[in-house]
Protein backbone atom coordinates (compact mmCIF):
# COMPACT_ATOMS: atom_id res chain seq x y z
CA UNK A 1 114.83 -69.14 86.64
CA UNK A 2 117.31 -69.16 83.74
CA UNK A 3 116.11 -67.98 80.35
CA UNK A 4 117.84 -68.66 76.99
CA UNK A 5 117.26 -65.92 74.44
CA UNK A 6 117.69 -66.55 70.70
CA UNK A 7 117.18 -63.95 67.97
CA UNK A 8 115.95 -61.59 70.69
CA UNK A 9 112.73 -63.62 71.09
CA UNK A 10 112.00 -65.52 74.31
CA UNK A 11 109.24 -66.95 76.43
CA UNK A 12 109.30 -67.58 80.20
CA UNK A 13 107.95 -71.00 81.26
CA UNK A 14 106.92 -72.02 84.76
CA UNK A 15 108.88 -75.28 84.54
CA UNK A 16 112.10 -73.43 84.16
CA UNK A 17 112.43 -73.90 80.44
CA UNK A 18 113.08 -71.08 78.07
CA UNK A 19 111.87 -71.51 74.50
CA UNK A 20 112.16 -69.57 71.29
CA UNK A 21 110.93 -69.96 67.68
CA UNK A 22 113.50 -69.66 64.94
CA UNK A 23 112.18 -69.85 61.38
CA UNK A 24 109.09 -71.73 62.54
CA UNK A 25 110.90 -74.33 64.75
CA UNK A 26 110.78 -74.16 68.61
CA UNK A 27 114.10 -74.58 70.34
CA UNK A 28 113.91 -75.24 74.11
CA UNK A 29 116.85 -74.99 76.50
CA UNK A 30 116.57 -76.94 79.77
CA UNK A 31 117.76 -75.03 82.85
CA UNK A 32 119.38 -77.98 84.57
CA UNK A 33 122.17 -79.22 82.31
CA UNK A 34 122.03 -77.00 79.25
CA UNK A 35 120.87 -79.72 76.90
CA UNK A 36 119.07 -78.59 73.73
CA UNK A 37 115.87 -80.33 72.57
CA UNK A 38 114.47 -79.76 69.03
CA UNK A 39 110.83 -80.93 68.91
CA UNK A 40 108.80 -81.15 65.66
CA UNK A 41 105.74 -83.35 65.66
CA UNK A 42 104.06 -81.40 68.36
CA UNK A 43 104.10 -78.20 66.30
CA UNK A 44 101.72 -77.41 63.28
CA UNK A 45 103.28 -77.57 59.73
CA UNK A 46 103.39 -74.38 57.71
CA UNK A 47 100.30 -73.84 55.43
CA UNK A 48 100.60 -75.15 51.75
CA UNK A 49 100.38 -72.48 49.05
CA UNK A 50 99.10 -72.98 45.45
CA UNK A 51 101.57 -73.21 42.56
CA UNK A 52 102.46 -70.13 40.60
CA UNK A 53 101.59 -70.36 36.86
CA UNK A 54 102.48 -67.67 34.35
CA UNK A 55 99.83 -66.30 32.02
CA UNK A 56 99.75 -68.09 28.64
CA UNK A 57 99.81 -65.69 25.70
CA UNK A 58 97.65 -66.18 22.61
CA UNK A 59 99.29 -68.95 20.56
CA UNK A 60 99.69 -69.01 16.78
CA UNK A 61 100.69 -71.89 14.50
CA UNK A 62 100.41 -72.98 10.86
CA UNK A 63 99.28 -76.26 9.35
CA UNK A 64 102.26 -78.38 8.36
CA UNK A 65 104.87 -76.35 10.28
CA UNK A 66 106.53 -77.47 13.56
CA UNK A 67 105.27 -75.69 16.69
CA UNK A 68 106.35 -75.66 20.35
CA UNK A 69 105.56 -73.69 23.51
CA UNK A 70 106.76 -74.10 27.11
CA UNK A 71 104.64 -72.86 30.00
CA UNK A 72 106.30 -71.38 33.10
CA UNK A 73 105.27 -72.42 36.63
CA UNK A 74 106.71 -73.11 40.08
CA UNK A 75 105.81 -74.15 43.62
CA UNK A 76 107.75 -73.92 46.90
CA UNK A 77 106.59 -77.29 48.09
CA UNK A 78 106.90 -79.27 44.78
CA UNK A 79 106.73 -81.67 42.94
CA UNK A 80 104.37 -80.50 40.15
CA UNK A 81 101.99 -82.27 37.76
CA UNK A 82 101.17 -80.65 34.39
CA UNK A 83 97.91 -81.39 32.56
CA UNK A 84 96.87 -79.94 29.18
CA UNK A 85 93.53 -80.02 27.36
CA UNK A 86 92.06 -78.64 24.14
CA UNK A 87 95.20 -79.20 22.08
CA UNK A 88 94.69 -79.11 18.26
CA UNK A 89 95.25 -82.28 16.21
CA UNK A 90 98.95 -82.92 15.76
CA UNK A 91 100.00 -81.25 19.05
CA UNK A 92 101.02 -83.32 22.10
CA UNK A 93 102.04 -82.42 25.68
CA UNK A 94 105.13 -83.40 27.70
CA UNK A 95 105.14 -81.67 31.07
CA UNK A 96 105.21 -77.91 30.54
CA UNK A 97 106.01 -78.39 26.83
CA UNK A 98 103.48 -78.72 24.02
CA UNK A 99 104.83 -79.42 20.53
CA UNK A 100 104.12 -81.06 17.19
CA UNK A 101 102.93 -80.22 13.69
CA UNK A 102 99.34 -78.93 13.43
CA UNK A 103 97.16 -80.89 11.00
CA UNK A 104 94.05 -78.73 10.64
CA UNK A 105 93.34 -75.01 10.50
CA UNK A 106 91.09 -73.51 13.19
CA UNK A 107 90.99 -71.96 16.67
CA UNK A 108 91.04 -73.94 19.92
CA UNK A 109 91.00 -73.01 23.61
CA UNK A 110 94.08 -74.53 25.22
CA UNK A 111 94.08 -75.03 29.01
CA UNK A 112 96.97 -76.02 31.28
CA UNK A 113 96.51 -77.05 34.91
CA UNK A 114 99.44 -77.13 37.36
CA UNK A 115 98.98 -79.22 40.53
CA UNK A 116 101.38 -79.50 43.50
CA UNK A 117 101.96 -82.43 45.85
CA UNK A 118 99.42 -81.12 48.30
CA UNK A 119 96.65 -81.16 45.74
CA UNK A 120 96.43 -77.43 45.15
CA UNK A 121 96.21 -76.39 41.52
CA UNK A 122 95.98 -73.41 39.24
CA UNK A 123 94.87 -73.22 35.58
CA UNK A 124 95.46 -70.89 32.68
CA UNK A 125 93.73 -70.81 29.27
CA UNK A 126 94.53 -69.17 25.98
CA UNK A 127 93.35 -69.23 22.38
CA UNK A 128 95.49 -71.17 19.93
CA UNK A 129 94.94 -70.26 16.28
CA UNK A 130 96.17 -72.63 13.57
CA UNK A 131 96.35 -70.92 10.18
CA UNK A 132 95.96 -72.77 6.91
CA UNK A 133 99.22 -73.73 5.28
CA UNK A 134 100.66 -71.12 3.05
CA UNK A 135 100.08 -72.23 -0.54
CA UNK A 136 102.87 -73.41 -2.80
CA UNK A 137 102.11 -73.22 -6.51
CA UNK A 138 102.21 -76.51 -8.45
CA UNK A 139 105.46 -77.67 -10.00
CA UNK A 140 105.36 -80.46 -12.59
CA UNK A 141 107.65 -83.28 -11.49
CA UNK A 142 106.81 -85.80 -14.23
CA UNK A 143 105.37 -84.91 -17.65
CA UNK A 144 102.31 -86.70 -19.06
CA UNK A 145 102.80 -89.53 -21.54
CA UNK A 146 100.49 -91.06 -24.17
CA UNK A 147 100.30 -94.76 -24.98
CA UNK A 148 98.18 -96.69 -27.46
CA UNK A 149 97.98 -97.51 -31.15
CA UNK A 150 98.34 -94.38 -33.27
CA UNK A 151 95.70 -95.51 -35.75
CA UNK A 152 92.27 -94.03 -36.41
CA UNK A 153 89.73 -95.99 -34.42
CA UNK A 154 92.20 -97.00 -31.70
CA UNK A 155 92.20 -95.86 -28.09
CA UNK A 156 94.89 -93.61 -26.64
CA UNK A 157 95.51 -93.30 -22.91
CA UNK A 158 97.37 -90.51 -21.13
CA UNK A 159 99.32 -91.01 -17.91
CA UNK A 160 98.92 -87.57 -16.32
CA UNK A 161 102.34 -87.58 -14.63
CA UNK A 162 102.89 -85.92 -11.25
CA UNK A 163 103.17 -82.46 -9.69
CA UNK A 164 104.07 -81.08 -6.28
CA UNK A 165 102.43 -78.20 -4.43
CA UNK A 166 100.58 -77.18 -1.28
CA UNK A 167 97.75 -77.93 -1.03
CA UNK A 168 98.05 -80.99 -3.27
CA UNK A 169 97.18 -79.89 -6.82
CA UNK A 170 94.46 -81.51 -8.93
CA UNK A 171 94.79 -82.30 -12.63
CA UNK A 172 92.59 -81.56 -15.64
CA UNK A 173 93.17 -82.91 -19.14
CA UNK A 174 92.64 -81.44 -22.58
CA UNK A 175 93.46 -83.35 -25.75
CA UNK A 176 94.84 -81.39 -28.70
CA UNK A 177 94.94 -81.99 -32.43
CA UNK A 178 97.80 -80.08 -34.07
CA UNK A 179 97.73 -77.44 -31.33
CA UNK A 180 93.95 -76.99 -31.28
CA UNK A 181 91.85 -78.39 -28.47
CA UNK A 182 89.48 -81.23 -29.36
CA UNK A 183 86.03 -80.26 -28.13
CA UNK A 184 84.85 -82.42 -25.24
CA UNK A 185 88.07 -84.47 -25.13
CA UNK A 186 88.89 -84.03 -21.45
CA UNK A 187 89.12 -87.62 -20.20
CA UNK A 188 92.10 -89.86 -19.68
CA UNK A 189 91.40 -91.72 -22.94
CA UNK A 190 90.78 -90.61 -26.52
CA UNK A 191 89.37 -92.68 -29.36
CA UNK A 192 91.14 -91.59 -32.54
CA UNK A 193 88.74 -90.56 -35.29
CA UNK A 194 89.22 -90.49 -39.03
CA UNK A 195 89.79 -86.72 -38.76
CA UNK A 196 92.85 -87.37 -36.60
CA UNK A 197 94.75 -89.18 -39.36
CA UNK A 198 97.92 -87.30 -40.26
CA UNK A 199 97.62 -85.03 -37.22
CA UNK A 200 99.81 -84.69 -34.13
CA UNK A 201 97.81 -85.64 -31.06
CA UNK A 202 98.89 -84.41 -27.62
CA UNK A 203 97.39 -84.18 -24.16
CA UNK A 204 97.85 -81.07 -22.02
CA UNK A 205 97.60 -81.60 -18.26
CA UNK A 206 96.96 -78.57 -16.05
CA UNK A 207 97.73 -78.84 -12.34
CA UNK A 208 95.88 -76.36 -10.11
CA UNK A 209 95.71 -75.42 -6.43
CA UNK A 210 94.92 -72.28 -4.43
CA UNK A 211 98.42 -70.92 -5.03
CA UNK A 212 98.50 -71.20 -8.81
CA UNK A 213 98.66 -73.54 -11.79
CA UNK A 214 101.20 -75.35 -13.97
CA UNK A 215 100.77 -77.07 -17.34
CA UNK A 216 102.65 -79.80 -19.13
CA UNK A 217 102.21 -81.30 -22.60
CA UNK A 218 102.61 -84.96 -23.43
CA UNK A 219 104.69 -86.52 -26.11
CA UNK A 220 102.99 -86.14 -29.53
CA UNK A 221 101.37 -89.12 -31.25
CA UNK A 222 101.19 -88.88 -35.03
CA UNK A 223 97.94 -90.58 -35.93
CA UNK A 224 97.76 -92.73 -39.04
CA UNK A 225 94.74 -93.49 -41.15
CA UNK A 226 92.93 -96.69 -40.38
CA UNK A 227 94.03 -99.65 -42.49
CA UNK A 228 92.04 -100.16 -45.66
CA UNK A 229 89.07 -102.44 -45.17
CA UNK A 230 90.33 -105.63 -46.72
CA UNK A 231 87.93 -108.05 -45.09
CA UNK A 232 89.56 -111.09 -46.65
CA UNK A 233 92.88 -110.22 -45.00
CA UNK A 234 91.65 -108.39 -41.89
CA UNK A 235 88.50 -110.19 -40.72
CA UNK A 236 88.37 -113.60 -39.08
CA UNK A 237 84.90 -114.21 -40.55
CA UNK A 238 83.21 -112.17 -43.26
CA UNK A 239 79.92 -112.51 -45.14
CA UNK A 240 78.12 -110.24 -47.57
CA UNK A 241 75.02 -110.76 -49.66
CA UNK A 242 75.63 -112.42 -53.03
CA UNK A 243 78.33 -114.79 -51.76
CA UNK A 244 78.09 -118.41 -52.96
CA UNK A 245 76.25 -120.86 -50.72
CA UNK A 246 76.22 -124.61 -50.29
CA UNK A 247 73.07 -126.53 -51.14
CA UNK A 248 70.57 -124.53 -53.16
CA UNK A 249 69.21 -121.01 -53.12
CA UNK A 250 65.99 -122.25 -51.53
CA UNK A 251 67.63 -124.64 -49.08
CA UNK A 252 71.06 -123.43 -48.00
CA UNK A 253 73.07 -126.10 -46.23
CA UNK A 254 76.12 -123.99 -45.49
CA UNK A 255 78.23 -120.94 -46.31
CA UNK A 256 82.00 -120.89 -46.83
CA UNK A 257 82.85 -117.67 -45.01
CA UNK A 258 85.52 -115.32 -46.26
CA UNK A 259 88.27 -114.11 -43.96
CA UNK A 260 91.38 -115.49 -42.34
CA UNK A 261 89.44 -118.11 -40.36
CA UNK A 262 88.50 -119.97 -43.57
CA UNK A 263 85.57 -121.64 -41.85
CA UNK A 264 82.31 -122.99 -43.17
CA UNK A 265 79.14 -122.46 -41.17
CA UNK A 266 76.46 -125.09 -41.74
CA UNK A 267 72.70 -125.05 -41.47
CA UNK A 268 71.47 -126.55 -38.22
CA UNK A 269 68.23 -127.01 -36.34
CA UNK A 270 64.72 -127.73 -37.54
CA UNK A 271 61.99 -125.81 -39.26
CA UNK A 272 62.10 -123.61 -42.32
CA UNK A 273 65.18 -123.76 -44.54
CA UNK A 274 67.54 -120.86 -45.03
CA UNK A 275 67.14 -119.20 -48.42
CA UNK A 276 69.70 -117.17 -50.39
CA UNK A 277 68.62 -114.24 -52.51
CA UNK A 278 69.78 -110.83 -53.77
CA UNK A 279 69.18 -109.29 -50.34
CA UNK A 280 71.21 -111.88 -48.44
CA UNK A 281 70.40 -114.97 -46.38
CA UNK A 282 66.74 -115.20 -45.38
CA UNK A 283 65.80 -116.91 -42.11
CA UNK A 284 62.28 -117.78 -40.94
CA UNK A 285 62.95 -118.60 -37.28
CA UNK A 286 63.73 -122.15 -38.34
CA UNK A 287 67.20 -123.34 -39.26
CA UNK A 288 70.24 -121.21 -38.39
CA UNK A 289 73.95 -121.24 -39.28
CA UNK A 290 76.44 -122.61 -36.77
CA UNK A 291 80.05 -123.66 -36.37
CA UNK A 292 81.75 -125.31 -33.41
CA UNK A 293 85.37 -126.30 -32.86
CA UNK A 294 86.76 -122.77 -33.06
CA UNK A 295 89.15 -123.15 -30.13
CA UNK A 296 92.20 -123.28 -32.40
CA UNK A 297 91.41 -119.99 -34.14
CA UNK A 298 93.57 -117.07 -32.95
CA UNK A 299 91.53 -114.70 -30.80
CA UNK A 300 94.29 -112.53 -29.27
CA UNK A 301 93.59 -109.35 -27.30
CA UNK A 302 90.10 -108.53 -28.52
CA UNK A 303 87.17 -109.36 -30.76
CA UNK A 304 84.39 -107.35 -32.39
CA UNK A 305 81.40 -108.16 -34.55
CA UNK A 306 79.35 -105.88 -36.79
CA UNK A 307 76.13 -107.06 -38.44
CA UNK A 308 73.80 -105.54 -40.99
CA UNK A 309 70.41 -107.24 -40.79
CA UNK A 310 66.71 -106.80 -41.44
CA UNK A 311 64.30 -108.11 -38.80
CA UNK A 312 60.82 -108.84 -40.11
CA UNK A 313 58.95 -109.76 -36.95
CA UNK A 314 59.58 -110.47 -33.28
CA UNK A 315 60.10 -114.09 -32.22
CA UNK A 316 57.10 -116.16 -31.24
CA UNK A 317 58.81 -116.81 -27.92
CA UNK A 318 62.20 -116.49 -26.26
CA UNK A 319 65.14 -114.47 -27.52
CA UNK A 320 66.27 -114.00 -31.08
CA UNK A 321 70.04 -114.38 -31.38
CA UNK A 322 71.56 -112.53 -34.30
CA UNK A 323 75.00 -113.68 -33.10
CA UNK A 324 75.43 -116.23 -30.31
CA UNK A 325 77.70 -119.11 -29.38
CA UNK A 326 79.92 -120.21 -26.51
CA UNK A 327 83.15 -118.96 -24.96
CA UNK A 328 84.09 -115.29 -24.70
CA UNK A 329 82.65 -113.11 -27.47
CA UNK A 330 80.15 -110.26 -28.11
CA UNK A 331 76.64 -111.70 -28.29
CA UNK A 332 73.99 -109.74 -30.21
CA UNK A 333 70.38 -110.54 -29.40
CA UNK A 334 66.94 -109.19 -28.70
CA UNK A 335 65.39 -110.03 -25.37
CA UNK A 336 61.92 -111.55 -25.15
CA UNK A 337 59.46 -110.38 -26.42
CA UNK A 338 61.82 -108.94 -29.04
CA UNK A 339 61.37 -105.25 -28.27
CA UNK A 340 64.88 -104.44 -26.99
CA UNK A 341 68.19 -105.07 -28.73
CA UNK A 342 71.14 -105.92 -26.50
CA UNK A 343 74.88 -106.40 -26.94
CA UNK A 344 76.29 -108.73 -24.32
CA UNK A 345 79.90 -109.34 -23.32
CA UNK A 346 79.92 -113.09 -22.75
CA UNK A 347 82.75 -114.46 -20.63
CA UNK A 348 84.58 -113.22 -17.53
CA UNK A 349 82.08 -110.56 -16.52
CA UNK A 350 78.81 -110.98 -18.43
CA UNK A 351 77.52 -107.48 -19.15
CA UNK A 352 74.44 -106.39 -21.08
CA UNK A 353 74.36 -103.02 -22.83
CA UNK A 354 71.15 -101.79 -24.43
CA UNK A 355 71.51 -101.05 -28.13
CA UNK A 356 68.04 -99.60 -28.51
CA UNK A 357 64.31 -100.37 -28.79
CA UNK A 358 63.03 -102.42 -31.72
CA UNK A 359 60.04 -101.80 -33.97
CA UNK A 360 59.26 -104.12 -36.88
CA UNK A 361 60.24 -104.39 -39.64
CA UNK A 362 63.68 -103.07 -38.69
CA UNK A 363 66.72 -102.58 -40.92
CA UNK A 364 69.72 -101.99 -38.72
CA UNK A 365 73.46 -102.11 -38.18
CA UNK A 366 74.53 -103.25 -34.74
CA UNK A 367 77.78 -104.43 -33.20
CA UNK A 368 79.95 -104.91 -30.16
CA UNK A 369 83.68 -104.79 -29.43
CA UNK A 370 85.42 -106.50 -26.50
CA UNK A 371 88.93 -105.06 -26.05
CA UNK A 372 91.12 -106.91 -23.56
CA UNK A 373 93.81 -104.20 -23.73
CA UNK A 374 91.47 -101.29 -22.97
CA UNK A 375 89.18 -103.44 -20.77
CA UNK A 376 86.08 -102.07 -22.46
CA UNK A 377 82.89 -103.24 -24.13
CA UNK A 378 81.93 -100.87 -26.96
CA UNK A 379 78.40 -101.05 -28.28
CA UNK A 380 77.05 -99.70 -31.56
CA UNK A 381 73.52 -98.55 -30.78
CA UNK A 382 70.66 -98.26 -33.24
CA UNK A 383 71.02 -94.48 -33.45
CA UNK A 384 74.58 -94.88 -34.78
CA UNK A 385 76.41 -93.82 -31.62
CA UNK A 386 79.01 -95.95 -29.88
CA UNK A 387 78.96 -96.32 -26.11
CA UNK A 388 81.89 -97.49 -24.00
CA UNK A 389 81.47 -99.61 -20.88
CA UNK A 390 84.50 -100.38 -18.65
CA UNK A 391 84.72 -104.11 -17.96
CA UNK A 392 87.50 -106.42 -16.77
CA UNK A 393 88.35 -108.81 -19.61
CA UNK A 394 90.78 -111.55 -20.53
CA UNK A 395 91.61 -112.82 -23.99
CA UNK A 396 88.48 -113.72 -25.99
CA UNK A 397 88.01 -117.38 -26.82
CA UNK A 398 84.88 -118.09 -28.84
CA UNK A 399 84.65 -121.86 -29.21
CA UNK A 400 81.40 -121.93 -31.19
CA UNK A 401 79.30 -119.38 -33.09
CA UNK A 402 75.70 -119.32 -34.34
CA UNK A 403 74.00 -116.88 -36.70
CA UNK A 404 70.34 -115.85 -36.86
CA UNK A 405 69.00 -118.34 -34.32
CA UNK A 406 65.22 -117.96 -33.84
CA UNK A 407 65.29 -114.91 -36.15
CA UNK A 408 62.75 -113.98 -38.79
CA UNK A 409 64.83 -111.75 -41.01
CA UNK A 410 67.68 -111.37 -43.50
CA UNK A 411 71.42 -111.34 -42.87
CA UNK A 412 73.04 -108.87 -45.27
CA UNK A 413 76.60 -108.47 -43.94
CA UNK A 414 78.72 -109.80 -41.10
CA UNK A 415 82.29 -109.08 -40.01
CA UNK A 416 84.02 -110.66 -37.04
CA UNK A 417 87.49 -109.22 -36.40
CA UNK A 418 90.05 -110.26 -33.78
CA UNK A 419 92.98 -108.32 -32.38
CA UNK A 420 96.23 -110.33 -32.56
CA UNK A 421 98.04 -110.79 -29.27
CA UNK A 422 100.24 -107.79 -28.56
CA UNK A 423 99.32 -106.03 -31.82
CA UNK A 424 96.95 -103.38 -33.13
CA UNK A 425 93.55 -104.13 -34.61
CA UNK A 426 93.88 -105.09 -38.30
CA UNK A 427 90.90 -102.81 -38.91
CA UNK A 428 89.02 -100.61 -36.51
CA UNK A 429 85.53 -101.15 -35.15
CA UNK A 430 84.63 -97.57 -36.07
CA UNK A 431 85.78 -97.97 -39.67
CA UNK A 432 83.80 -101.19 -40.13
CA UNK A 433 80.73 -99.59 -38.55
CA UNK A 434 80.99 -96.63 -40.93
CA UNK A 435 81.38 -99.00 -43.89
CA UNK A 436 78.37 -101.12 -42.89
CA UNK A 437 76.20 -98.08 -42.28
CA UNK A 438 77.13 -96.66 -45.67
CA UNK A 439 76.19 -99.77 -47.68
């Protein structure tokens, strides 16, 4: 019985066939003709072994800085599938590689799983710490600039400019008058006061982050005194007690108003006549003064009205309109039952601002300013303070005005001033308020 021996390993078979295993494959040699047969399917395949995956070290990264790491793994049988989990925001996986730019500081547990074609897998985990970005102190890249009319009573606005830095710096503002900070002036706007006349006004912007601070000063604005209060040349409509009237002192039929508007307001309505005396025009909740057809008067970029009046008693019903009309203008009225005084921006965005509570009799100065350039409604309240309310405005356009409608009281002074298109106020609201409150 012939026997073929390979690699010094053999097996004797009763059918006369010698067989040997070489590297896991049986080779049989037939005794008759020497032919070689290599079988395969009838023998068991070698056992699959799991992939080999290297230990992942602790990983470190920094917010805002590129990061990458490649895991190491292998398998004799191949191919391999890589799966990652727990990656921080900004990091993505591509096979054994994870890379990207971390977005947030913190610590995450990162896990990678390596799976071979036979379904066997192995996993490794490690902590990945993302540190906060190293701070970069602010650097001013554009200085602040001031715009606005450099006249007492006008509004200045500062554009804060720009600054770079990590993390992004924040800005604070301090206005200065001749190198000295103006107490409480820390907003983006500044209303020039009489004390600012002749002074250099600047705004200092300080940029700050965790790494430091940087400051920059604006261009200086040399404030001028407010124009003298020439109501004939600066007001659209002006009245003061003692002015001539039409009709008679006991039955006024109209008043030729002073000012650039050169208009006459006439008595209208029913009831008690308007009387003229040393204290002004007396109304008894009967007739009032009115004028329509004002559309051709220049209204420009703003309008304000200031009134000095004495109110004797609340209205029997409804509102009492010290100043009213139609179009876009500042309406001054008391709401029913006459216990609250209100200044109302009439027009694009009707807005009521309380001017204060009323008790009778009441002698008061009240007013409102609508500024289309600043987009504000300013209200003179009964305590003498001026409030500012942001409001979207377009050019004022009062087409009709009425005075002292349903009012029991006396009109002592009135000034209505408009801001010419593209120009400064001919006189400031604050200066007129101060003048009316003084006399």
